[in-house]
Amino acid sequence: MKQRGAYKIYVVATHALLSGDAPVLIEESVIDQVIVTNTIPHDMQKLRCHKIQTVDISLLICEAIRCINHRESMGQLFRNVTLDD
C-alpha cells in the first residue's frame, strides 16, 4: 500500500485475536498502527508490539445491555459521537 502512495496504514479490529507471532509480524510490518477494542485482553501482545492501541468500549457495552434490558433503542448510543470519544 505504501508503494502505491499511502502515507500511513492503520488496521482497525473490533475483536482482535492476536495469537502466536502476530505481534512480532505487526511490529516488523509497514503497518503504522493497529487499533483494537478491549473485548479481548492484549496486554502481553502490546509488550511485543508498540503499534497496538486499545480502545476501551466497556461503557458502550454496558449501556447497550442496559438499553436491551429496558427495551430502549440502542440508536441513542451512536448519536453525537465525536472523534474524541
PDB file of N, CA and C in Angstrom:
ATOM      1  N   MET A   1       0.812  -1.179   0.000  1.00  0.00           N
ATOM      2  CA  MET A   1       0.000   0.000   0.000  1.00  0.00           C
ATOM      3  C   MET A   1       0.865   1.256   0.000  1.00  0.00           C
ATOM      4  N   LYS A   2       1.943   1.224   0.758  1.00  0.00           N
ATOM      5  CA  LYS A   2       2.825   2.394   0.780  1.00  0.00           C
ATOM      6  C   LYS A   2       3.520   2.563  -0.568  1.00  0.00           C
ATOM      7  N   GLN A   3       3.764   1.448  -1.254  1.00  0.00           N
ATOM      8  CA  GLN A   3       4.366   1.525  -2.583  1.00  0.00           C
ATOM      9  C   GLN A   3       3.423   2.206  -3.568  1.00  0.00           C
ATOM     10  N   ARG A   4       2.129   2.184  -3.267  1.00  0.00           N
ATOM     11  CA  ARG A   4       1.138   2.812  -4.138  1.00  0.00           C
ATOM     12  C   ARG A   4       0.751   4.207  -3.661  1.00  0.00           C
ATOM     13  N   GLY A   5       1.486   4.735  -2.673  1.00  0.00           N
ATOM     14  CA  GLY A   5       1.286   6.118  -2.270  1.00  0.00           C
ATOM     15  C   GLY A   5       0.655   6.361  -0.911  1.00  0.00           C
ATOM     16  N   ALA A   6       0.329   5.316  -0.179  1.00  0.00           N
ATOM     17  CA  ALA A   6      -0.258   5.520   1.154  1.00  0.00           C
ATOM     18  C   ALA A   6       0.795   6.094   2.092  1.00  0.00           C
ATOM     19  N   TYR A   7       0.423   7.110   2.850  1.00  0.00           N
ATOM     20  CA  TYR A   7       1.344   7.704   3.817  1.00  0.00           C
ATOM     21  C   TYR A   7       1.369   6.907   5.113  1.00  0.00           C
ATOM     22  N   LYS A   8       0.212   6.486   5.549  1.00  0.00           N
ATOM     23  CA  LYS A   8       0.080   5.729   6.795  1.00  0.00           C
ATOM     24  C   LYS A   8      -0.878   4.568   6.560  1.00  0.00           C
ATOM     25  N   ILE A   9      -0.638   3.478   7.281  1.00  0.00           N
ATOM     26  CA  ILE A   9      -1.511   2.308   7.193  1.00  0.00           C
ATOM     27  C   ILE A   9      -2.021   2.000   8.595  1.00  0.00           C
ATOM     28  N   TYR A  10      -3.342   2.053   8.733  1.00  0.00           N
ATOM     29  CA  TYR A  10      -3.996   1.754  10.005  1.00  0.00           C
ATOM     30  C   TYR A  10      -4.851   0.509   9.837  1.00  0.00           C
ATOM     31  N   VAL A  11      -4.845  -0.340  10.849  1.00  0.00           N
ATOM     32  CA  VAL A  11      -5.693  -1.523  10.881  1.00  0.00           C
ATOM     33  C   VAL A  11      -6.610  -1.362  12.088  1.00  0.00           C
ATOM     34  N   VAL A  12      -7.911  -1.594  11.885  1.00  0.00           N
ATOM     35  CA  VAL A  12      -8.880  -1.494  12.970  1.00  0.00           C
ATOM     36  C   VAL A  12      -9.598  -2.826  13.085  1.00  0.00           C
ATOM     37  N   ALA A  13      -9.609  -3.392  14.292  1.00  0.00           N
ATOM     38  CA  ALA A  13     -10.265  -4.682  14.525  1.00  0.00           C
ATOM     39  C   ALA A  13     -11.057  -4.603  15.820  1.00  0.00           C
ATOM     40  N   THR A  14     -12.333  -4.971  15.754  1.00  0.00           N
ATOM     41  CA  THR A  14     -13.163  -4.868  16.951  1.00  0.00           C
ATOM     42  C   THR A  14     -12.886  -5.976  17.953  1.00  0.00           C
ATOM     43  N   HIS A  15     -12.554  -7.153  17.511  1.00  0.00           N
ATOM     44  CA  HIS A  15     -12.375  -8.307  18.407  1.00  0.00           C
ATOM     45  C   HIS A  15     -11.127  -9.062  17.945  1.00  0.00           C
ATOM     46  N   ALA A  16      -9.979  -8.449  18.140  1.00  0.00           N
ATOM     47  CA  ALA A  16      -8.731  -8.938  17.551  1.00  0.00           C
ATOM     48  C   ALA A  16      -8.147 -10.116  18.324  1.00  0.00           C
ATOM     49  N   LEU A  17      -7.962 -11.212  17.638  1.00  0.00           N
ATOM     50  CA  LEU A  17      -7.261 -12.369  18.199  1.00  0.00           C
ATOM     51  C   LEU A  17      -5.816 -12.291  17.726  1.00  0.00           C
ATOM     52  N   LEU A  18      -4.964 -11.733  18.543  1.00  0.00           N
ATOM     53  CA  LEU A  18      -3.556 -11.548  18.179  1.00  0.00           C
ATOM     54  C   LEU A  18      -2.746 -12.690  18.776  1.00  0.00           C
ATOM     55  N   SER A  19      -2.848 -13.843  18.158  1.00  0.00           N
ATOM     56  CA  SER A  19      -2.200 -15.033  18.713  1.00  0.00           C
ATOM     57  C   SER A  19      -0.860 -15.310  18.040  1.00  0.00           C
ATOM     58  N   GLY A  20      -0.098 -16.191  18.651  1.00  0.00           N
ATOM     59  CA  GLY A  20       1.174 -16.631  18.081  1.00  0.00           C
ATOM     60  C   GLY A  20       2.133 -15.489  17.846  1.00  0.00           C
ATOM     61  N   ASP A  21       2.641 -15.423  16.625  1.00  0.00           N
ATOM     62  CA  ASP A  21       3.622 -14.405  16.253  1.00  0.00           C
ATOM     63  C   ASP A  21       2.995 -13.125  15.718  1.00  0.00           C
ATOM     64  N   ALA A  22       1.687 -12.979  15.834  1.00  0.00           N
ATOM     65  CA  ALA A  22       1.013 -11.795  15.284  1.00  0.00           C
ATOM     66  C   ALA A  22       1.646 -10.483  15.746  1.00  0.00           C
ATOM     67  N   PRO A  23       1.941 -10.302  17.041  1.00  0.00           N
ATOM     68  CA  PRO A  23       2.554  -9.034  17.461  1.00  0.00           C
ATOM     69  C   PRO A  23       3.899  -8.761  16.791  1.00  0.00           C
ATOM     70  N   VAL A  24       4.710  -9.789  16.645  1.00  0.00           N
ATOM     71  CA  VAL A  24       6.023  -9.625  16.005  1.00  0.00           C
ATOM     72  C   VAL A  24       5.846  -9.301  14.525  1.00  0.00           C
ATOM     73  N   LEU A  25       4.930  -9.995  13.874  1.00  0.00           N
ATOM     74  CA  LEU A  25       4.676  -9.744  12.453  1.00  0.00           C
ATOM     75  C   LEU A  25       4.160  -8.326  12.228  1.00  0.00           C
ATOM     76  N   ILE A  26       3.292  -7.862  13.114  1.00  0.00           N
ATOM     77  CA  ILE A  26       2.793  -6.488  13.009  1.00  0.00           C
ATOM     78  C   ILE A  26       3.931  -5.503  13.240  1.00  0.00           C
ATOM     79  N   GLU A  27       4.728  -5.751  14.258  1.00  0.00           N
ATOM     80  CA  GLU A  27       5.844  -4.854  14.587  1.00  0.00           C
ATOM     81  C   GLU A  27       6.813  -4.729  13.415  1.00  0.00           C
ATOM     82  N   GLU A  28       7.053  -5.811  12.707  1.00  0.00           N
ATOM     83  CA  GLU A  28       8.006  -5.817  11.589  1.00  0.00           C
ATOM     84  C   GLU A  28       7.375  -5.378  10.270  1.00  0.00           C
ATOM     85  N   SER A  29       6.078  -5.154  10.250  1.00  0.00           N
ATOM     86  CA  SER A  29       5.378  -4.806   9.012  1.00  0.00           C
ATOM     87  C   SER A  29       5.405  -3.300   8.762  1.00  0.00           C
ATOM     88  N   VAL A  30       4.851  -2.898   7.624  1.00  0.00           N
ATOM     89  CA  VAL A  30       4.747  -1.479   7.279  1.00  0.00           C
ATOM     90  C   VAL A  30       3.518  -0.827   7.915  1.00  0.00           C
ATOM     91  N   ILE A  31       2.738  -1.599   8.639  1.00  0.00           N
ATOM     92  CA  ILE A  31       1.562  -1.061   9.324  1.00  0.00           C
ATOM     93  C   ILE A  31       2.029  -0.048  10.366  1.00  0.00           C
ATOM     94  N   ASP A  32       1.369   1.115  10.396  1.00  0.00           N
ATOM     95  CA  ASP A  32       1.734   2.154  11.353  1.00  0.00           C
ATOM     96  C   ASP A  32       1.053   1.979  12.704  1.00  0.00           C
ATOM     97  N   GLN A  33      -0.200   1.523  12.684  1.00  0.00           N
ATOM     98  CA  GLN A  33      -0.917   1.367  13.948  1.00  0.00           C
ATOM     99  C   GLN A  33      -2.040   0.352  13.785  1.00  0.00           C
ATOM    100  N   VAL A  34      -2.237  -0.463  14.833  1.00  0.00           N
ATOM    101  CA  VAL A  34      -3.345  -1.410  14.895  1.00  0.00           C
ATOM    102  C   VAL A  34      -4.207  -0.990  16.080  1.00  0.00           C
ATOM    103  N   ILE A  35      -5.461  -0.671  15.801  1.00  0.00           N
ATOM    104  CA  ILE A  35      -6.385  -0.215  16.835  1.00  0.00           C
ATOM    105  C   ILE A  35      -7.381  -1.336  17.095  1.00  0.00           C
ATOM    106  N   VAL A  36      -7.441  -1.782  18.354  1.00  0.00           N
ATOM    107  CA  VAL A  36      -8.311  -2.893  18.735  1.00  0.00           C
ATOM    108  C   VAL A  36      -9.166  -2.467  19.927  1.00  0.00           C
ATOM    109  N   THR A  37     -10.235  -3.223  20.187  1.00  0.00           N
ATOM    110  CA  THR A  37     -11.043  -2.950  21.371  1.00  0.00           C
ATOM    111  C   THR A  37     -10.605  -3.864  22.502  1.00  0.00           C
ATOM    112  N   ASN A  38     -11.078  -3.572  23.683  1.00  0.00           N
ATOM    113  CA  ASN A  38     -10.695  -4.353  24.855  1.00  0.00           C
ATOM    114  C   ASN A  38     -11.652  -5.515  25.129  1.00  0.00           C
ATOM    115  N   THR A  39     -12.267  -6.060  24.087  1.00  0.00           N
ATOM    116  CA  THR A  39     -13.118  -7.239  24.265  1.00  0.00           C
ATOM    117  C   THR A  39     -12.281  -8.477  24.531  1.00  0.00           C
ATOM    118  N   ILE A  40     -11.008  -8.410  24.204  1.00  0.00           N
ATOM    119  CA  ILE A  40     -10.031  -9.467  24.488  1.00  0.00           C
ATOM    120  C   ILE A  40      -8.806  -8.769  25.085  1.00  0.00           C
ATOM    121  N   PRO A  41      -8.228  -9.288  26.164  1.00  0.00           N
ATOM    122  CA  PRO A  41      -7.020  -8.661  26.721  1.00  0.00           C
ATOM    123  C   PRO A  41      -5.845  -8.742  25.738  1.00  0.00           C
ATOM    124  N   HIS A  42      -5.108  -7.648  25.604  1.00  0.00           N
ATOM    125  CA  HIS A  42      -3.953  -7.600  24.700  1.00  0.00           C
ATOM    126  C   HIS A  42      -2.689  -7.137  25.416  1.00  0.00           C
ATOM    127  N   ASP A  43      -2.661  -7.248  26.724  1.00  0.00           N
ATOM    128  CA  ASP A  43      -1.521  -6.728  27.485  1.00  0.00           C
ATOM    129  C   ASP A  43      -0.194  -7.352  27.070  1.00  0.00           C
ATOM    130  N   MET A  44      -0.153  -8.663  26.953  1.00  0.00           N
ATOM    131  CA  MET A  44       1.101  -9.343  26.586  1.00  0.00           C
ATOM    132  C   MET A  44       1.509  -9.011  25.148  1.00  0.00           C
ATOM    133  N   GLN A  45       0.532  -8.948  24.241  1.00  0.00           N
ATOM    134  CA  GLN A  45       0.839  -8.627  22.847  1.00  0.00           C
ATOM    135  C   GLN A  45       1.376  -7.204  22.722  1.00  0.00           C
ATOM    136  N   LYS A  46       0.839  -6.284  23.534  1.00  0.00           N
ATOM    137  CA  LYS A  46       1.287  -4.900  23.473  1.00  0.00           C
ATOM    138  C   LYS A  46       2.723  -4.749  23.957  1.00  0.00           C
ATOM    139  N   LEU A  47       3.181  -5.647  24.807  1.00  0.00           N
ATOM    140  CA  LEU A  47       4.578  -5.621  25.236  1.00  0.00           C
ATOM    141  C   LEU A  47       5.509  -5.973  24.084  1.00  0.00           C
ATOM    142  N   ARG A  48       5.017  -6.771  23.135  1.00  0.00           N
ATOM    143  CA  ARG A  48       5.826  -7.210  21.999  1.00  0.00           C
ATOM    144  C   ARG A  48       5.645  -6.329  20.769  1.00  0.00           C
ATOM    145  N   CYS A  49       4.660  -5.417  20.811  1.00  0.00           N
ATOM    146  CA  CYS A  49       4.395  -4.583  19.634  1.00  0.00           C
ATOM    147  C   CYS A  49       3.868  -3.226  20.078  1.00  0.00           C
ATOM    148  N   HIS A  50       4.641  -2.190  19.857  1.00  0.00           N
ATOM    149  CA  HIS A  50       4.226  -0.847  20.271  1.00  0.00           C
ATOM    150  C   HIS A  50       3.166  -0.250  19.357  1.00  0.00           C
ATOM    151  N   LYS A  51       2.875  -0.898  18.244  1.00  0.00           N
ATOM    152  CA  LYS A  51       1.904  -0.378  17.283  1.00  0.00           C
ATOM    153  C   LYS A  51       0.455  -0.672  17.669  1.00  0.00           C
ATOM    154  N   ILE A  52       0.245  -1.506  18.673  1.00  0.00           N
ATOM    155  CA  ILE A  52      -1.105  -1.893  19.073  1.00  0.00           C
ATOM    156  C   ILE A  52      -1.655  -0.874  20.069  1.00  0.00           C
ATOM    157  N   GLN A  53      -2.824  -0.315  19.752  1.00  0.00           N
ATOM    158  CA  GLN A  53      -3.505   0.626  20.644  1.00  0.00           C
ATOM    159  C   GLN A  53      -4.881   0.055  20.973  1.00  0.00           C
ATOM    160  N   THR A  54      -5.244   0.056  22.251  1.00  0.00           N
ATOM    161  CA  THR A  54      -6.522  -0.493  22.691  1.00  0.00           C
ATOM    162  C   THR A  54      -7.511   0.624  23.001  1.00  0.00           C
ATOM    163  N   VAL A  55      -8.727   0.464  22.492  1.00  0.00           N
ATOM    164  CA  VAL A  55      -9.816   1.394  22.768  1.00  0.00           C
ATOM    165  C   VAL A  55     -10.782   0.704  23.727  1.00  0.00           C
ATOM    166  N   ASP A  56     -11.087   1.363  24.827  1.00  0.00           N
ATOM    167  CA  ASP A  56     -11.986   0.810  25.840  1.00  0.00           C
ATOM    168  C   ASP A  56     -13.439   1.009  25.411  1.00  0.00           C
ATOM    169  N   ILE A  57     -14.166  -0.089  25.231  1.00  0.00           N
ATOM    170  CA  ILE A  57     -15.580   0.003  24.866  1.00  0.00           C
ATOM    171  C   ILE A  57     -16.482  -0.550  25.964  1.00  0.00           C
ATOM    172  N   SER A  58     -15.956  -0.686  27.166  1.00  0.00           N
ATOM    173  CA  SER A  58     -16.734  -1.279  28.255  1.00  0.00           C
ATOM    174  C   SER A  58     -17.994  -0.474  28.567  1.00  0.00           C
ATOM    175  N   LEU A  59     -17.905   0.853  28.584  1.00  0.00           N
ATOM    176  CA  LEU A  59     -19.093   1.663  28.864  1.00  0.00           C
ATOM    177  C   LEU A  59     -20.143   1.517  27.770  1.00  0.00           C
ATOM    178  N   LEU A  60     -19.695   1.414  26.527  1.00  0.00           N
ATOM    179  CA  LEU A  60     -20.625   1.219  25.413  1.00  0.00           C
ATOM    180  C   LEU A  60     -21.362  -0.109  25.547  1.00  0.00           C
ATOM    181  N   ILE A  61     -20.646  -1.157  25.893  1.00  0.00           N
ATOM    182  CA  ILE A  61     -21.270  -2.470  26.060  1.00  0.00           C
ATOM    183  C   ILE A  61     -22.243  -2.449  27.236  1.00  0.00           C
ATOM    184  N   CYS A  62     -21.854  -1.836  28.336  1.00  0.00           N
ATOM    185  CA  CYS A  62     -22.748  -1.735  29.499  1.00  0.00           C
ATOM    186  C   CYS A  62     -24.027  -0.989  29.144  1.00  0.00           C
ATOM    187  N   GLU A  63     -23.884   0.105  28.438  1.00  0.00           N
ATOM    188  CA  GLU A  63     -25.057   0.892  28.060  1.00  0.00           C
ATOM    189  C   GLU A  63     -25.929   0.132  27.065  1.00  0.00           C
ATOM    190  N   ALA A  64     -25.328  -0.625  26.165  1.00  0.00           N
ATOM    191  CA  ALA A  64     -26.102  -1.442  25.225  1.00  0.00           C
ATOM    192  C   ALA A  64     -26.912  -2.496  25.971  1.00  0.00           C
ATOM    193  N   ILE A  65     -26.309  -3.134  26.950  1.00  0.00           N
ATOM    194  CA  ILE A  65     -27.024  -4.132  27.761  1.00  0.00           C
ATOM    195  C   ILE A  65     -28.177  -3.469  28.513  1.00  0.00           C
ATOM    196  N   ARG A  66     -27.935  -2.281  29.056  1.00  0.00           N
ATOM    197  CA  ARG A  66     -28.992  -1.559  29.765  1.00  0.00           C
ATOM    198  C   ARG A  66     -30.162  -1.244  28.836  1.00  0.00           C
ATOM    199  N   CYS A  67     -29.848  -0.765  27.616  1.00  0.00           N
ATOM    200  CA  CYS A  67     -30.897  -0.452  26.640  1.00  0.00           C
ATOM    201  C   CYS A  67     -31.715  -1.694  26.294  1.00  0.00           C
ATOM    202  N   ILE A  68     -31.045  -2.795  26.092  1.00  0.00           N
ATOM    203  CA  ILE A  68     -31.742  -4.038  25.754  1.00  0.00           C
ATOM    204  C   ILE A  68     -32.649  -4.462  26.904  1.00  0.00           C
ATOM    205  N   ASN A  69     -32.144  -4.419  28.121  1.00  0.00           N
ATOM    206  CA  ASN A  69     -32.935  -4.828  29.287  1.00  0.00           C
ATOM    207  C   ASN A  69     -34.147  -3.935  29.526  1.00  0.00           C
ATOM    208  N   HIS A  70     -34.027  -2.663  29.158  1.00  0.00           N
ATOM    209  CA  HIS A  70     -35.140  -1.729  29.345  1.00  0.00           C
ATOM    210  C   HIS A  70     -35.948  -1.538  28.060  1.00  0.00           C
ATOM    211  N   ARG A  71     -35.662  -2.349  27.058  1.00  0.00           N
ATOM    212  CA  ARG A  71     -36.366  -2.287  25.765  1.00  0.00           C
ATOM    213  C   ARG A  71     -36.316  -0.884  25.156  1.00  0.00           C
ATOM    214  N   GLU A  72     -35.146  -0.278  25.248  1.00  0.00           N
ATOM    215  CA  GLU A  72     -34.923   1.046  24.673  1.00  0.00           C
ATOM    216  C   GLU A  72     -34.135   0.912  23.374  1.00  0.00           C
ATOM    217  N   SER A  73     -34.227   1.925  22.551  1.00  0.00           N
ATOM    218  CA  SER A  73     -33.478   1.945  21.298  1.00  0.00           C
ATOM    219  C   SER A  73     -31.985   2.084  21.582  1.00  0.00           C
ATOM    220  N   MET A  74     -31.186   1.330  20.868  1.00  0.00           N
ATOM    221  CA  MET A  74     -29.735   1.470  21.002  1.00  0.00           C
ATOM    222  C   MET A  74     -29.199   2.553  20.071  1.00  0.00           C
ATOM    223  N   GLY A  75     -30.064   3.130  19.250  1.00  0.00           N
ATOM    224  CA  GLY A  75     -29.647   4.198  18.350  1.00  0.00           C
ATOM    225  C   GLY A  75     -29.050   5.383  19.077  1.00  0.00           C
ATOM    226  N   GLN A  76     -29.534   5.619  20.301  1.00  0.00           N
ATOM    227  CA  GLN A  76     -29.021   6.746  21.082  1.00  0.00           C
ATOM    228  C   GLN A  76     -27.535   6.607  21.401  1.00  0.00           C
ATOM    229  N   LEU A  77     -27.035   5.381  21.385  1.00  0.00           N
ATOM    230  CA  LEU A  77     -25.623   5.157  21.703  1.00  0.00           C
ATOM    231  C   LEU A  77     -24.693   5.718  20.634  1.00  0.00           C
ATOM    232  N   PHE A  78     -25.222   5.912  19.434  1.00  0.00           N
ATOM    233  CA  PHE A  78     -24.372   6.302  18.311  1.00  0.00           C
ATOM    234  C   PHE A  78     -24.661   7.713  17.815  1.00  0.00           C
ATOM    235  N   ARG A  79     -25.448   8.458  18.560  1.00  0.00           N
ATOM    236  CA  ARG A  79     -25.711   9.854  18.219  1.00  0.00           C
ATOM    237  C   ARG A  79     -24.704  10.737  18.946  1.00  0.00           C
ATOM    238  N   ASN A  80     -24.343  11.812  18.320  1.00  0.00           N
ATOM    239  CA  ASN A  80     -23.442  12.802  18.931  1.00  0.00           C
ATOM    240  C   ASN A  80     -22.100  12.209  19.351  1.00  0.00           C
ATOM    241  N   VAL A  81     -21.589  11.280  18.580  1.00  0.00           N
ATOM    242  CA  VAL A  81     -20.273  10.709  18.853  1.00  0.00           C
ATOM    243  C   VAL A  81     -19.223  11.605  18.208  1.00  0.00           C
ATOM    244  N   THR A  82     -18.224  12.004  18.984  1.00  0.00           N
ATOM    245  CA  THR A  82     -17.161  12.852  18.448  1.00  0.00           C
ATOM    246  C   THR A  82     -15.903  12.025  18.235  1.00  0.00           C
ATOM    247  N   LEU A  83     -14.949  12.586  17.563  1.00  0.00           N
ATOM    248  CA  LEU A  83     -13.688  11.892  17.331  1.00  0.00           C
ATOM    249  C   LEU A  83     -12.924  11.686  18.629  1.00  0.00           C
ATOM    250  N   ASP A  84     -13.190  12.507  19.626  1.00  0.00           N
ATOM    251  CA  ASP A  84     -12.520  12.366  20.919  1.00  0.00           C
ATOM    252  C   ASP A  84     -13.042  11.181  21.706  1.00  0.00           C
ATOM    253  N   ASP A  85     -14.258  10.724  21.383  1.00  0.00           N
ATOM    254  CA  ASP A  85     -14.847   9.580  22.086  1.00  0.00           C
ATOM    255  C   ASP A  85     -14.150   8.354  21.609  1.00  0.00           C
TER     256      ASP A  85
END
